[in-house]
């Protein structure tokens, strides 16, 4: 393939000119690869699984936060009873 900038002849496998570094484009080729139905299904499964993992991670964080708040309140109430401090 001939570089449009410096007119250097490059082999057809190159995407960048060896002399000037200009990007070479071929109009006759389609750079996108066609995916089979199995590959599309696998990509969909990965996307769904990543979403499920994210939801589970945040659900776990919320549960841990609620349990921690519960135990902090219980310990605070126990300490106030133990020390004889009135809360109200």
Protein backbone atom coordinates (compact mmCIF):
# COMPACT_ATOMS: atom_id res chain seq x y z
CA UNK A 1 0.00 0.00 0.00
CA UNK A 2 1.32 3.42 -0.95
CA UNK A 3 1.40 6.12 1.73
CA UNK A 4 -0.67 9.13 0.66
CA UNK A 5 1.64 11.52 2.54
CA UNK A 6 5.22 10.47 1.65
CA UNK A 7 4.47 8.06 -1.22
CA UNK A 8 6.46 5.23 0.40
CA UNK A 9 5.36 1.76 -0.66
CA UNK A 10 4.47 -0.40 2.38
CA UNK A 11 3.38 -4.01 2.39
CA UNK A 12 -0.36 -4.67 2.64
CA UNK A 13 -0.21 -5.89 6.23
CA UNK A 14 0.98 -2.53 7.57
CA UNK A 15 -1.46 -0.04 9.09
CA UNK A 16 1.16 2.65 9.74
CA UNK A 17 3.68 3.95 7.21
CA UNK A 18 7.19 2.74 7.94
CA UNK A 19 8.75 6.08 6.92
CA UNK A 20 6.48 8.87 8.18
CA UNK A 21 4.11 7.10 10.62
CA UNK A 22 0.94 8.12 8.77
CA UNK A 23 -2.07 5.86 9.36
CA UNK A 24 -2.87 3.79 6.31
CA UNK A 25 -6.47 2.89 5.54
CA UNK A 26 -7.79 0.36 3.09
CA UNK A 27 -11.24 0.91 1.63
CA UNK A 28 -11.63 -2.67 0.46
CA UNK A 29 -11.45 -4.27 3.91
CA UNK A 30 -13.98 -4.33 6.73
CA UNK A 31 -12.12 -3.91 10.05
CA UNK A 32 -15.05 -5.25 12.07
CA UNK A 33 -15.27 -8.95 12.62
CA UNK A 34 -18.63 -10.66 12.42
CA UNK A 35 -19.58 -12.47 15.60
CA UNK A 36 -21.45 -15.73 15.61
CA UNK A 37 -24.64 -16.18 17.61
CA UNK A 38 -22.71 -18.18 20.21
CA UNK A 39 -20.17 -15.37 20.64
CA UNK A 40 -22.95 -12.79 21.00
CA UNK A 41 -24.70 -14.98 23.57
CA UNK A 42 -21.44 -15.38 25.52
CA UNK A 43 -20.88 -11.62 25.55
CA UNK A 44 -24.47 -11.10 26.74
CA UNK A 45 -23.92 -13.63 29.55
CA UNK A 46 -20.78 -11.78 30.64
CA UNK A 47 -22.56 -8.42 30.68
CA UNK A 48 -25.48 -9.84 32.68
CA UNK A 49 -23.18 -11.63 35.13
CA UNK A 50 -21.17 -8.42 35.69
CA UNK A 51 -24.40 -6.53 36.43
CA UNK A 52 -25.52 -9.26 38.85
CA UNK A 53 -22.14 -9.13 40.62
CA UNK A 54 -22.44 -5.36 40.99
CA UNK A 55 -25.95 -5.61 42.45
CA UNK A 56 -24.88 -8.37 44.85
CA UNK A 57 -21.83 -6.39 45.94
CA UNK A 58 -23.92 -3.31 46.77
CA UNK A 59 -26.62 -5.43 48.45
CA UNK A 60 -23.96 -7.02 50.65
CA UNK A 61 -22.57 -3.59 51.57
CA UNK A 62 -26.03 -2.32 52.57
CA UNK A 63 -26.70 -5.41 54.70
CA UNK A 64 -23.34 -5.09 56.45
CA UNK A 65 -23.99 -1.39 57.08
CA UNK A 66 -27.44 -2.10 58.60
CA UNK A 67 -26.05 -4.85 60.85
CA UNK A 68 -23.20 -2.59 61.99
CA UNK A 69 -25.62 0.22 62.85
CA UNK A 70 -27.81 -2.25 64.76
CA UNK A 71 -24.87 -3.49 66.85
CA UNK A 72 -23.63 0.03 67.50
CA UNK A 73 -27.07 0.97 68.84
CA UNK A 74 -27.25 -2.20 70.97
CA UNK A 75 -23.79 -1.60 72.43
CA UNK A 76 -24.59 2.07 73.09
CA UNK A 77 -27.83 1.13 74.89
CA UNK A 78 -26.05 -1.55 76.93
CA UNK A 79 -23.30 0.90 77.88
CA UNK A 80 -25.80 3.57 78.91
CA UNK A 81 -27.67 1.04 81.13
CA UNK A 82 -24.42 -0.27 82.57
CA UNK A 83 -23.15 3.21 83.39
CA UNK A 84 -26.57 4.36 84.62
CA UNK A 85 -26.86 7.21 82.14
CA UNK A 86 -30.42 8.20 81.24
CA UNK A 87 -31.06 8.76 77.57
CA UNK A 88 -34.37 10.53 77.93
